[in-house]
C-alpha atoms as a PDB file:
ATOM      1  CA  MET A   1       2.286   7.971  13.672  1.00  0.00           C
ATOM      2  CA  ALA A   2       0.436   9.157  10.451  1.00  0.00           C
ATOM      3  CA  ILE A   3      -2.334   7.356   8.470  1.00  0.00           C
ATOM      4  CA  SER A   4      -2.530   7.073   4.361  1.00  0.00           C
ATOM      5  CA  THR A   5      -5.511   6.105   2.584  1.00  0.00           C
ATOM      6  CA  LEU A   6      -4.395   5.375  -0.991  1.00  0.00           C
ATOM      7  CA  THR A   7      -6.716   3.878  -3.906  1.00  0.00           C
ATOM      8  CA  LEU A   8      -5.472   0.951  -5.797  1.00  0.00           C
ATOM      9  CA  GLU A   9      -6.879   0.981  -9.218  1.00  0.00           C
ATOM     10  CA  GLY A  10      -6.348  -1.914 -11.295  1.00  0.00           C
ATOM     11  CA  ALA A  11      -6.337  -3.817  -7.756  1.00  0.00           C
ATOM     12  CA  THR A  12      -8.467  -6.796  -8.538  1.00  0.00           C
ATOM     13  CA  CYS A  13      -7.272 -10.112  -7.627  1.00  0.00           C
ATOM     14  CA  PRO A  14      -5.829 -11.664  -3.967  1.00  0.00           C
ATOM     15  CA  MET A  15      -2.243 -11.618  -6.060  1.00  0.00           C
ATOM     16  CA  CYS A  16      -2.849  -7.750  -6.054  1.00  0.00           C
ATOM     17  CA  ALA A  17      -3.401  -7.400  -2.510  1.00  0.00           C
ATOM     18  CA  ASN A  18      -0.018  -9.881  -2.128  1.00  0.00           C
ATOM     19  CA  ALA A  19       2.361  -7.884  -3.941  1.00  0.00           C
ATOM     20  CA  VAL A  20       1.294  -4.483  -2.412  1.00  0.00           C
ATOM     21  CA  SER A  21       1.116  -5.517   1.634  1.00  0.00           C
ATOM     22  CA  ASN A  22       4.421  -7.469   0.757  1.00  0.00           C
ATOM     23  CA  ALA A  23       5.858  -4.403  -0.895  1.00  0.00           C
ATOM     24  CA  LEU A  24       4.791  -1.961   1.858  1.00  0.00           C
ATOM     25  CA  HIS A  25       5.613  -4.605   4.720  1.00  0.00           C
ATOM     26  CA  SER A  26       9.054  -4.009   2.857  1.00  0.00           C
ATOM     27  CA  LEU A  27       9.469  -0.352   3.537  1.00  0.00           C
ATOM     28  CA  GLN A  28      10.858   1.059   6.460  1.00  0.00           C
ATOM     29  CA  GLY A  29       8.573   3.264   9.089  1.00  0.00           C
ATOM     30  CA  VAL A  30       5.087   0.623   7.877  1.00  0.00           C
ATOM     31  CA  GLN A  31       4.001  -0.422  11.295  1.00  0.00           C
ATOM     32  CA  HIS A  32       0.577  -1.241   9.854  1.00  0.00           C
ATOM     33  CA  LEU A  33      -1.662  -1.807   6.549  1.00  0.00           C
ATOM     34  CA  ASP A  34      -4.601  -3.187   5.309  1.00  0.00           C
ATOM     35  CA  VAL A  35      -5.384  -3.824   1.806  1.00  0.00           C
ATOM     36  CA  ASP A  36      -9.543  -4.171   0.858  1.00  0.00           C
ATOM     37  CA  LEU A  37      -9.746  -5.401  -2.658  1.00  0.00           C
ATOM     38  CA  ALA A  38     -13.737  -4.990  -2.374  1.00  0.00           C
ATOM     39  CA  ASP A  39     -12.786  -0.871  -2.477  1.00  0.00           C
ATOM     40  CA  GLN A  40     -10.054  -0.832  -4.058  1.00  0.00           C
ATOM     41  CA  ILE A  41      -7.993   1.274  -1.268  1.00  0.00           C
ATOM     42  CA  ALA A  42      -5.346   0.365   1.257  1.00  0.00           C
ATOM     43  CA  THR A  43      -5.007   1.985   4.465  1.00  0.00           C
ATOM     44  CA  ILE A  44      -1.488   2.501   6.196  1.00  0.00           C
ATOM     45  CA  THR A  45      -0.602   3.379   9.853  1.00  0.00           C
ATOM     46  CA  TYR A  46       3.320   4.372   9.536  1.00  0.00           C
ATOM     47  CA  ASP A  47       5.685   6.167  11.337  1.00  0.00           C
ATOM     48  CA  ASP A  48       6.080   9.853   9.324  1.00  0.00           C
ATOM     49  CA  ASP A  49       9.889   9.591  11.276  1.00  0.00           C
ATOM     50  CA  GLU A  50      11.077   6.659   9.018  1.00  0.00           C
ATOM     51  CA  THR A  51       9.232   7.342   6.070  1.00  0.00           C
ATOM     52  CA  THR A  52       6.731   9.651   3.974  1.00  0.00           C
ATOM     53  CA  ASP A  53       3.729   9.342   2.350  1.00  0.00           C
ATOM     54  CA  ALA A  54       5.063  10.120  -0.948  1.00  0.00           C
ATOM     55  CA  SER A  55       7.657   6.871  -0.532  1.00  0.00           C
ATOM     56  CA  ILE A  56       4.240   4.649   0.809  1.00  0.00           C
ATOM     57  CA  ARG A  57       2.569   5.955  -2.925  1.00  0.00           C
ATOM     58  CA  GLU A  58       5.876   5.573  -4.996  1.00  0.00           C
ATOM     59  CA  THR A  59       6.117   2.086  -3.219  1.00  0.00           C
ATOM     60  CA  VAL A  60       2.155   1.355  -4.127  1.00  0.00           C
ATOM     61  CA  ASP A  61       2.493   2.617  -7.580  1.00  0.00           C
ATOM     62  CA  ARG A  62       5.651   0.374  -8.416  1.00  0.00           C
ATOM     63  CA  ALA A  63       3.650  -2.726  -6.773  1.00  0.00           C
ATOM     64  CA  SER A  64       0.601  -2.574  -8.234  1.00  0.00           C
ATOM     65  CA  CYS A  65      -0.778  -4.787 -10.535  1.00  0.00           C
ATOM     66  CA  ALA A  66      -1.607  -4.264 -14.204  1.00  0.00           C
ATOM     67  CA  THR A  67      -5.005  -4.742 -15.213  1.00  0.00           C
ATOM     68  CA  HIS A  68      -5.672  -8.403 -15.828  1.00  0.00           C
END
């Protein structure tokens, strides 16, 4: 198991958090995640035999909301 903490720049609403959460839940190997809009971070626990930190970062980048 590994843990990745990412900054969610521009994630300012529940829709942003939901988009990131849905994208990460669909990624193979993600075990647990916490999206904190107040601090604009996501903490992801994942199986590093099934996915990589780079894949997680790419998934978050694709799912992140544009600035409102």
